[in-house]
Amino acid sequence: MCIHYFTNKQQYLYLSNIRTGQVFQTKYSYSQGGILTDGIKDDMLATGFCDIKPLNRSGYFYFIKKREELNNNPNIPEKKSDYTIFLVKLKN
């Protein structure tokens, strides 16, 4: 289960694995330019912090990155578009 919510103008993400009962709660913070500075960090491609969004398919989510966020990342060779969408499958 994935729920985005706001409290006192602060954004949070609540994740719960219904099978195991494991719960994660994450606070998101943004810079003046709208780039995430706190939250869930991408440890596979090192794209920085991610605002994950669930898909309508169980076990999958996506996040979007602006070109400026990927400029210094050697793992992403093509940086011609303004935005890149990352589709992610959760590990079992």
PDB file of N, CA and C in Angstrom:
ATOM      1  N   MET A   1       0.844  -1.158   0.000  1.00  0.00           N
ATOM      2  CA  MET A   1       0.000   0.000   0.000  1.00  0.00           C
ATOM      3  C   MET A   1       0.899   1.233   0.000  1.00  0.00           C
ATOM      4  N   CYS A   2       0.538   2.221  -0.787  1.00  0.00           N
ATOM      5  CA  CYS A   2       1.342   3.435  -0.946  1.00  0.00           C
ATOM      6  C   CYS A   2       0.414   4.647  -0.835  1.00  0.00           C
ATOM      7  N   ILE A   3       0.683   5.515   0.150  1.00  0.00           N
ATOM      8  CA  ILE A   3      -0.154   6.695   0.363  1.00  0.00           C
ATOM      9  C   ILE A   3       0.743   7.928   0.478  1.00  0.00           C
ATOM     10  N   HIS A   4       0.490   8.930  -0.370  1.00  0.00           N
ATOM     11  CA  HIS A   4       1.130  10.234  -0.239  1.00  0.00           C
ATOM     12  C   HIS A   4       0.193  11.114   0.577  1.00  0.00           C
ATOM     13  N   TYR A   5       0.735  11.850   1.549  1.00  0.00           N
ATOM     14  CA  TYR A   5      -0.119  12.748   2.331  1.00  0.00           C
ATOM     15  C   TYR A   5       0.670  13.961   2.804  1.00  0.00           C
ATOM     16  N   PHE A   6      -0.063  14.998   3.187  1.00  0.00           N
ATOM     17  CA  PHE A   6       0.518  16.244   3.671  1.00  0.00           C
ATOM     18  C   PHE A   6       0.047  16.507   5.095  1.00  0.00           C
ATOM     19  N   THR A   7       0.971  17.000   5.933  1.00  0.00           N
ATOM     20  CA  THR A   7       0.668  17.457   7.282  1.00  0.00           C
ATOM     21  C   THR A   7       1.458  18.733   7.515  1.00  0.00           C
ATOM     22  N   ASN A   8       0.772  19.813   7.880  1.00  0.00           N
ATOM     23  CA  ASN A   8       1.433  21.105   8.126  1.00  0.00           C
ATOM     24  C   ASN A   8       2.334  21.518   6.959  1.00  0.00           C
ATOM     25  N   LYS A   9       1.819  21.390   5.735  1.00  0.00           N
ATOM     26  CA  LYS A   9       2.520  21.762   4.493  1.00  0.00           C
ATOM     27  C   LYS A   9       3.768  20.925   4.237  1.00  0.00           C
ATOM     28  N   GLN A  10       3.871  19.776   4.859  1.00  0.00           N
ATOM     29  CA  GLN A  10       5.004  18.863   4.669  1.00  0.00           C
ATOM     30  C   GLN A  10       4.495  17.588   4.010  1.00  0.00           C
ATOM     31  N   GLN A  11       5.185  17.139   2.939  1.00  0.00           N
ATOM     32  CA  GLN A  11       4.769  15.934   2.220  1.00  0.00           C
ATOM     33  C   GLN A  11       5.438  14.691   2.810  1.00  0.00           C
ATOM     34  N   TYR A  12       4.653  13.621   2.930  1.00  0.00           N
ATOM     35  CA  TYR A  12       5.139  12.337   3.425  1.00  0.00           C
ATOM     36  C   TYR A  12       4.675  11.213   2.505  1.00  0.00           C
ATOM     37  N   LEU A  13       5.354  10.083   2.599  1.00  0.00           N
ATOM     38  CA  LEU A  13       4.963   8.870   1.891  1.00  0.00           C
ATOM     39  C   LEU A  13       4.883   7.745   2.914  1.00  0.00           C
ATOM     40  N   TYR A  14       3.752   7.065   2.919  1.00  0.00           N
ATOM     41  CA  TYR A  14       3.540   5.915   3.792  1.00  0.00           C
ATOM     42  C   TYR A  14       3.498   4.678   2.913  1.00  0.00           C
ATOM     43  N   LEU A  15       4.403   3.728   3.166  1.00  0.00           N
ATOM     44  CA  LEU A  15       4.440   2.459   2.436  1.00  0.00           C
ATOM     45  C   LEU A  15       4.227   1.326   3.415  1.00  0.00           C
ATOM     46  N   SER A  16       3.389   0.374   3.030  1.00  0.00           N
ATOM     47  CA  SER A  16       3.142  -0.787   3.875  1.00  0.00           C
ATOM     48  C   SER A  16       3.114  -2.036   3.013  1.00  0.00           C
ATOM     49  N   ASN A  17       3.917  -3.036   3.405  1.00  0.00           N
ATOM     50  CA  ASN A  17       3.887  -4.330   2.735  1.00  0.00           C
ATOM     51  C   ASN A  17       2.797  -5.143   3.416  1.00  0.00           C
ATOM     52  N   ILE A  18       1.717  -5.364   2.717  1.00  0.00           N
ATOM     53  CA  ILE A  18       0.560  -6.025   3.305  1.00  0.00           C
ATOM     54  C   ILE A  18       0.868  -7.477   3.666  1.00  0.00           C
ATOM     55  N   ARG A  19       1.760  -8.114   2.922  1.00  0.00           N
ATOM     56  CA  ARG A  19       2.108  -9.514   3.221  1.00  0.00           C
ATOM     57  C   ARG A  19       2.919  -9.655   4.498  1.00  0.00           C
ATOM     58  N   THR A  20       3.916  -8.770   4.681  1.00  0.00           N
ATOM     59  CA  THR A  20       4.828  -8.909   5.823  1.00  0.00           C
ATOM     60  C   THR A  20       4.478  -7.990   6.994  1.00  0.00           C
ATOM     61  N   GLY A  21       3.668  -6.958   6.748  1.00  0.00           N
ATOM     62  CA  GLY A  21       3.354  -5.998   7.800  1.00  0.00           C
ATOM     63  C   GLY A  21       4.417  -4.933   7.978  1.00  0.00           C
ATOM     64  N   GLN A  22       5.482  -4.966   7.172  1.00  0.00           N
ATOM     65  CA  GLN A  22       6.565  -3.987   7.262  1.00  0.00           C
ATOM     66  C   GLN A  22       6.052  -2.616   6.801  1.00  0.00           C
ATOM     67  N   VAL A  23       6.369  -1.565   7.562  1.00  0.00           N
ATOM     68  CA  VAL A  23       5.881  -0.216   7.279  1.00  0.00           C
ATOM     69  C   VAL A  23       7.065   0.741   7.177  1.00  0.00           C
ATOM     70  N   PHE A  24       6.994   1.645   6.191  1.00  0.00           N
ATOM     71  CA  PHE A  24       7.990   2.698   6.017  1.00  0.00           C
ATOM     72  C   PHE A  24       7.261   4.022   5.904  1.00  0.00           C
ATOM     73  N   GLN A  25       7.790   5.035   6.564  1.00  0.00           N
ATOM     74  CA  GLN A  25       7.234   6.373   6.448  1.00  0.00           C
ATOM     75  C   GLN A  25       8.384   7.314   6.124  1.00  0.00           C
ATOM     76  N   THR A  26       8.242   8.071   5.042  1.00  0.00           N
ATOM     77  CA  THR A  26       9.320   8.911   4.544  1.00  0.00           C
ATOM     78  C   THR A  26       8.850  10.354   4.398  1.00  0.00           C
ATOM     79  N   LYS A  27       9.691  11.275   4.802  1.00  0.00           N
ATOM     80  CA  LYS A  27       9.425  12.709   4.658  1.00  0.00           C
ATOM     81  C   LYS A  27      10.132  13.196   3.395  1.00  0.00           C
ATOM     82  N   TYR A  28       9.421  13.964   2.581  1.00  0.00           N
ATOM     83  CA  TYR A  28      10.009  14.564   1.381  1.00  0.00           C
ATOM     84  C   TYR A  28      10.286  16.038   1.622  1.00  0.00           C
ATOM     85  N   SER A  29      11.467  16.505   1.196  1.00  0.00           N
ATOM     86  CA  SER A  29      11.823  17.923   1.246  1.00  0.00           C
ATOM     87  C   SER A  29      12.333  18.328  -0.127  1.00  0.00           C
ATOM     88  N   TYR A  30      12.047  19.573  -0.520  1.00  0.00           N
ATOM     89  CA  TYR A  30      12.423  20.080  -1.837  1.00  0.00           C
ATOM     90  C   TYR A  30      13.276  21.331  -1.722  1.00  0.00           C
ATOM     91  N   SER A  31      14.156  21.547  -2.717  1.00  0.00           N
ATOM     92  CA  SER A  31      14.951  22.772  -2.796  1.00  0.00           C
ATOM     93  C   SER A  31      14.088  23.888  -3.381  1.00  0.00           C
ATOM     94  N   GLN A  32      14.620  25.097  -3.423  1.00  0.00           N
ATOM     95  CA  GLN A  32      13.918  26.232  -4.026  1.00  0.00           C
ATOM     96  C   GLN A  32      13.587  25.957  -5.488  1.00  0.00           C
ATOM     97  N   GLY A  33      14.435  25.177  -6.178  1.00  0.00           N
ATOM     98  CA  GLY A  33      14.226  24.849  -7.594  1.00  0.00           C
ATOM     99  C   GLY A  33      13.306  23.669  -7.822  1.00  0.00           C
ATOM    100  N   GLY A  34      12.719  23.125  -6.758  1.00  0.00           N
ATOM    101  CA  GLY A  34      11.781  22.018  -6.897  1.00  0.00           C
ATOM    102  C   GLY A  34      12.420  20.652  -6.987  1.00  0.00           C
ATOM    103  N   ILE A  35      13.698  20.526  -6.622  1.00  0.00           N
ATOM    104  CA  ILE A  35      14.402  19.246  -6.662  1.00  0.00           C
ATOM    105  C   ILE A  35      14.395  18.636  -5.267  1.00  0.00           C
ATOM    106  N   LEU A  36      14.112  17.336  -5.202  1.00  0.00           N
ATOM    107  CA  LEU A  36      14.072  16.651  -3.901  1.00  0.00           C
ATOM    108  C   LEU A  36      15.429  16.688  -3.209  1.00  0.00           C
ATOM    109  N   THR A  37      15.417  16.993  -1.925  1.00  0.00           N
ATOM    110  CA  THR A  37      16.650  17.008  -1.129  1.00  0.00           C
ATOM    111  C   THR A  37      16.590  16.024   0.025  1.00  0.00           C
ATOM    112  N   ASP A  38      15.435  15.356   0.196  1.00  0.00           N
ATOM    113  CA  ASP A  38      15.259  14.401   1.280  1.00  0.00           C
ATOM    114  C   ASP A  38      14.132  13.455   0.885  1.00  0.00           C
ATOM    115  N   GLY A  39      14.281  12.180   1.219  1.00  0.00           N
ATOM    116  CA  GLY A  39      13.248  11.197   0.903  1.00  0.00           C
ATOM    117  C   GLY A  39      13.851   9.837   0.594  1.00  0.00           C
ATOM    118  N   ILE A  40      13.320   9.174  -0.410  1.00  0.00           N
ATOM    119  CA  ILE A  40      13.812   7.856  -0.830  1.00  0.00           C
ATOM    120  C   ILE A  40      14.868   8.061  -1.902  1.00  0.00           C
ATOM    121  N   LYS A  41      16.035   7.425  -1.718  1.00  0.00           N
ATOM    122  CA  LYS A  41      17.151   7.621  -2.633  1.00  0.00           C
ATOM    123  C   LYS A  41      17.298   6.430  -3.570  1.00  0.00           C
ATOM    124  N   ASP A  42      17.497   6.725  -4.856  1.00  0.00           N
ATOM    125  CA  ASP A  42      17.737   5.707  -5.874  1.00  0.00           C
ATOM    126  C   ASP A  42      19.154   5.165  -5.700  1.00  0.00           C
ATOM    127  N   ASP A  43      19.283   3.901  -5.290  1.00  0.00           N
ATOM    128  CA  ASP A  43      20.612   3.318  -5.088  1.00  0.00           C
ATOM    129  C   ASP A  43      21.055   2.445  -6.263  1.00  0.00           C
ATOM    130  N   MET A  44      20.231   2.283  -7.282  1.00  0.00           N
ATOM    131  CA  MET A  44      20.601   1.472  -8.448  1.00  0.00           C
ATOM    132  C   MET A  44      21.311   2.311  -9.513  1.00  0.00           C
ATOM    133  N   LEU A  45      20.720   3.412  -9.930  1.00  0.00           N
ATOM    134  CA  LEU A  45      21.294   4.266 -10.971  1.00  0.00           C
ATOM    135  C   LEU A  45      21.839   5.577 -10.424  1.00  0.00           C
ATOM    136  N   ALA A  46      21.758   5.748  -9.114  1.00  0.00           N
ATOM    137  CA  ALA A  46      22.292   6.941  -8.440  1.00  0.00           C
ATOM    138  C   ALA A  46      21.726   8.227  -9.033  1.00  0.00           C
ATOM    139  N   THR A  47      20.391   8.283  -9.207  1.00  0.00           N
ATOM    140  CA  THR A  47      19.764   9.487  -9.746  1.00  0.00           C
ATOM    141  C   THR A  47      19.346  10.463  -8.646  1.00  0.00           C
ATOM    142  N   GLY A  48      19.622  10.122  -7.404  1.00  0.00           N
ATOM    143  CA  GLY A  48      19.275  11.003  -6.293  1.00  0.00           C
ATOM    144  C   GLY A  48      17.975  10.595  -5.631  1.00  0.00           C
ATOM    145  N   PHE A  49      17.346  11.550  -4.980  1.00  0.00           N
ATOM    146  CA  PHE A  49      16.089  11.282  -4.278  1.00  0.00           C
ATOM    147  C   PHE A  49      14.945  11.173  -5.282  1.00  0.00           C
ATOM    148  N   CYS A  50      13.982  10.291  -4.981  1.00  0.00           N
ATOM    149  CA  CYS A  50      12.883  10.003  -5.907  1.00  0.00           C
ATOM    150  C   CYS A  50      11.537  10.182  -5.227  1.00  0.00           C
ATOM    151  N   ASP A  51      10.613  10.785  -5.939  1.00  0.00           N
ATOM    152  CA  ASP A  51       9.229  10.866  -5.497  1.00  0.00           C
ATOM    153  C   ASP A  51       8.496   9.746  -6.220  1.00  0.00           C
ATOM    154  N   ILE A  52       8.382   8.594  -5.563  1.00  0.00           N
ATOM    155  CA  ILE A  52       7.822   7.425  -6.237  1.00  0.00           C
ATOM    156  C   ILE A  52       6.304   7.500  -6.302  1.00  0.00           C
ATOM    157  N   LYS A  53       5.787   7.001  -7.414  1.00  0.00           N
ATOM    158  CA  LYS A  53       4.340   6.971  -7.663  1.00  0.00           C
ATOM    159  C   LYS A  53       3.953   5.537  -7.994  1.00  0.00           C
ATOM    160  N   PRO A  54       2.901   5.010  -7.375  1.00  0.00           N
ATOM    161  CA  PRO A  54       2.493   3.639  -7.680  1.00  0.00           C
ATOM    162  C   PRO A  54       1.856   3.540  -9.061  1.00  0.00           C
ATOM    163  N   LEU A  55       2.017   2.381  -9.680  1.00  0.00           N
ATOM    164  CA  LEU A  55       1.325   2.076 -10.931  1.00  0.00           C
ATOM    165  C   LEU A  55       0.087   1.262 -10.612  1.00  0.00           C
ATOM    166  N   ASN A  56      -0.754   1.053 -11.600  1.00  0.00           N
ATOM    167  CA  ASN A  56      -1.958   0.260 -11.374  1.00  0.00           C
ATOM    168  C   ASN A  56      -1.672  -1.236 -11.481  1.00  0.00           C
ATOM    169  N   ARG A  57      -0.423  -1.605 -11.347  1.00  0.00           N
ATOM    170  CA  ARG A  57       0.004  -3.008 -11.370  1.00  0.00           C
ATOM    171  C   ARG A  57       0.784  -3.279 -10.087  1.00  0.00           C
ATOM    172  N   SER A  58       0.392  -4.278  -9.362  1.00  0.00           N
ATOM    173  CA  SER A  58       1.010  -4.591  -8.078  1.00  0.00           C
ATOM    174  C   SER A  58       2.512  -4.852  -8.231  1.00  0.00           C
ATOM    175  N   GLY A  59       3.307  -4.278  -7.330  1.00  0.00           N
ATOM    176  CA  GLY A  59       4.746  -4.508  -7.324  1.00  0.00           C
ATOM    177  C   GLY A  59       5.541  -3.589  -8.227  1.00  0.00           C
ATOM    178  N   TYR A  60       4.902  -2.578  -8.802  1.00  0.00           N
ATOM    179  CA  TYR A  60       5.587  -1.650  -9.705  1.00  0.00           C
ATOM    180  C   TYR A  60       5.321  -0.211  -9.278  1.00  0.00           C
ATOM    181  N   PHE A  61       6.295   0.670  -9.548  1.00  0.00           N
ATOM    182  CA  PHE A  61       6.105   2.102  -9.354  1.00  0.00           C
ATOM    183  C   PHE A  61       6.960   2.834 -10.363  1.00  0.00           C
ATOM    184  N   TYR A  62       6.817   4.141 -10.421  1.00  0.00           N
ATOM    185  CA  TYR A  62       7.640   4.941 -11.323  1.00  0.00           C
ATOM    186  C   TYR A  62       8.058   6.228 -10.625  1.00  0.00           C
ATOM    187  N   PHE A  63       9.106   6.848 -11.191  1.00  0.00           N
ATOM    188  CA  PHE A  63       9.482   8.195 -10.770  1.00  0.00           C
ATOM    189  C   PHE A  63      10.017   8.930 -11.978  1.00  0.00           C
ATOM    190  N   ILE A  64       9.963  10.238 -11.923  1.00  0.00           N
ATOM    191  CA  ILE A  64      10.351  11.090 -13.046  1.00  0.00           C
ATOM    192  C   ILE A  64      11.501  11.986 -12.607  1.00  0.00           C
ATOM    193  N   LYS A  65      12.473  12.156 -13.498  1.00  0.00           N
ATOM    194  CA  LYS A  65      13.614  13.037 -13.227  1.00  0.00           C
ATOM    195  C   LYS A  65      13.741  14.077 -14.328  1.00  0.00           C
ATOM    196  N   LYS A  66      14.075  15.302 -13.929  1.00  0.00           N
ATOM    197  CA  LYS A  66      14.365  16.365 -14.884  1.00  0.00           C
ATOM    198  C   LYS A  66      15.779  16.181 -15.424  1.00  0.00           C
ATOM    199  N   ARG A  67      16.022  16.686 -16.612  1.00  0.00           N
ATOM    200  CA  ARG A  67      17.345  16.583 -17.231  1.00  0.00           C
ATOM    201  C   ARG A  67      18.429  17.153 -16.314  1.00  0.00           C
ATOM    202  N   GLU A  68      18.133  18.268 -15.638  1.00  0.00           N
ATOM    203  CA  GLU A  68      19.135  18.892 -14.755  1.00  0.00           C
ATOM    204  C   GLU A  68      19.560  17.959 -13.629  1.00  0.00           C
ATOM    205  N   GLU A  69      18.665  17.095 -13.186  1.00  0.00           N
ATOM    206  CA  GLU A  69      18.976  16.166 -12.105  1.00  0.00           C
ATOM    207  C   GLU A  69      19.879  15.026 -12.565  1.00  0.00           C
ATOM    208  N   LEU A  70      19.966  14.795 -13.870  1.00  0.00           N
ATOM    209  CA  LEU A  70      20.751  13.678 -14.409  1.00  0.00           C
ATOM    210  C   LEU A  70      22.037  14.124 -15.097  1.00  0.00           C
ATOM    211  N   ASN A  71      22.296  15.430 -15.169  1.00  0.00           N
ATOM    212  CA  ASN A  71      23.445  15.941 -15.928  1.00  0.00           C
ATOM    213  C   ASN A  71      24.782  15.338 -15.526  1.00  0.00           C
ATOM    214  N   ASN A  72      25.038  15.135 -14.259  1.00  0.00           N
ATOM    215  CA  ASN A  72      26.335  14.618 -13.798  1.00  0.00           C
ATOM    216  C   ASN A  72      26.314  13.114 -13.555  1.00  0.00           C
ATOM    217  N   ASN A  73      25.315  12.413 -14.081  1.00  0.00           N
ATOM    218  CA  ASN A  73      25.166  10.985 -13.829  1.00  0.00           C
ATOM    219  C   ASN A  73      25.683  10.172 -15.014  1.00  0.00           C
ATOM    220  N   PRO A  74      26.795   9.426 -14.842  1.00  0.00           N
ATOM    221  CA  PRO A  74      27.337   8.620 -15.940  1.00  0.00           C
ATOM    222  C   PRO A  74      26.487   7.389 -16.271  1.00  0.00           C
ATOM    223  N   ASN A  75      25.554   7.016 -15.393  1.00  0.00           N
ATOM    224  CA  ASN A  75      24.694   5.852 -15.632  1.00  0.00           C
ATOM    225  C   ASN A  75      23.588   6.138 -16.637  1.00  0.00           C
ATOM    226  N   ILE A  76      23.335   7.406 -16.948  1.00  0.00           N
ATOM    227  CA  ILE A  76      22.279   7.800 -17.875  1.00  0.00           C
ATOM    228  C   ILE A  76      22.945   8.509 -19.062  1.00  0.00           C
ATOM    229  N   PRO A  77      23.279   7.768 -20.128  1.00  0.00           N
ATOM    230  CA  PRO A  77      24.036   8.366 -21.231  1.00  0.00           C
ATOM    231  C   PRO A  77      23.252   9.377 -22.074  1.00  0.00           C
ATOM    232  N   GLU A  78      21.976   9.122 -22.354  1.00  0.00           N
ATOM    233  CA  GLU A  78      21.174  10.018 -23.195  1.00  0.00           C
ATOM    234  C   GLU A  78      20.438  11.026 -22.338  1.00  0.00           C
ATOM    235  N   LYS A  79      20.765  12.294 -22.517  1.00  0.00           N
ATOM    236  CA  LYS A  79      20.112  13.345 -21.738  1.00  0.00           C
ATOM    237  C   LYS A  79      19.523  14.392 -22.672  1.00  0.00           C
ATOM    238  N   LYS A  80      18.892  13.927 -23.752  1.00  0.00           N
ATOM    239  CA  LYS A  80      18.351  14.845 -24.757  1.00  0.00           C
ATOM    240  C   LYS A  80      16.949  15.328 -24.427  1.00  0.00           C
ATOM    241  N   SER A  81      16.209  14.566 -23.646  1.00  0.00           N
ATOM    242  CA  SER A  81      14.832  14.961 -23.327  1.00  0.00           C
ATOM    243  C   SER A  81      14.789  15.767 -22.032  1.00  0.00           C
ATOM    244  N   ASP A  82      13.707  16.504 -21.851  1.00  0.00           N
ATOM    245  CA  ASP A  82      13.555  17.330 -20.654  1.00  0.00           C
ATOM    246  C   ASP A  82      13.283  16.487 -19.413  1.00  0.00           C
ATOM    247  N   TYR A  83      12.579  15.339 -19.595  1.00  0.00           N
ATOM    248  CA  TYR A  83      12.233  14.459 -18.477  1.00  0.00           C
ATOM    249  C   TYR A  83      12.512  13.015 -18.849  1.00  0.00           C
ATOM    250  N   THR A  84      12.872  12.207 -17.837  1.00  0.00           N
ATOM    251  CA  THR A  84      13.070  10.768 -18.012  1.00  0.00           C
ATOM    252  C   THR A  84      12.182  10.053 -17.008  1.00  0.00           C
ATOM    253  N   ILE A  85      11.427   9.068 -17.486  1.00  0.00           N
ATOM    254  CA  ILE A  85      10.556   8.274 -16.619  1.00  0.00           C
ATOM    255  C   ILE A  85      11.250   6.952 -16.333  1.00  0.00           C
ATOM    256  N   PHE A  86      11.352   6.600 -15.059  1.00  0.00           N
ATOM    257  CA  PHE A  86      11.949   5.333 -14.630  1.00  0.00           C
ATOM    258  C   PHE A  86      10.832   4.421 -14.139  1.00  0.00           C
ATOM    259  N   LEU A  87      10.712   3.233 -14.722  1.00  0.00           N
ATOM    260  CA  LEU A  87       9.748   2.219 -14.278  1.00  0.00           C
ATOM    261  C   LEU A  87      10.493   1.200 -13.436  1.00  0.00           C
ATOM    262  N   VAL A  88       9.963   0.875 -12.265  1.00  0.00           N
ATOM    263  CA  VAL A  88      10.670   0.039 -11.291  1.00  0.00           C
ATOM    264  C   VAL A  88       9.790  -1.119 -10.849  1.00  0.00           C
ATOM    265  N   LYS A  89      10.389  -2.310 -10.780  1.00  0.00           N
ATOM    266  CA  LYS A  89       9.706  -3.484 -10.232  1.00  0.00           C
ATOM    267  C   LYS A  89      10.324  -3.775  -8.871  1.00  0.00           C
ATOM    268  N   LEU A  90       9.480  -3.919  -7.855  1.00  0.00           N
ATOM    269  CA  LEU A  90       9.957  -4.221  -6.510  1.00  0.00           C
ATOM    270  C   LEU A  90      10.488  -5.649  -6.443  1.00  0.00           C
ATOM    271  N   LYS A  91      11.521  -5.860  -5.622  1.00  0.00           N
ATOM    272  CA  LYS A  91      12.042  -7.199  -5.389  1.00  0.00           C
ATOM    273  C   LYS A  91      11.064  -7.987  -4.524  1.00  0.00           C
ATOM    274  N   ASN A  92      11.005  -9.278  -4.754  1.00  0.00           N
ATOM    275  CA  ASN A  92      10.169 -10.148  -3.903  1.00  0.00           C
ATOM    276  C   ASN A  92      10.968 -10.665  -2.746  1.00  0.00           C
TER     277      ASN A  92
END
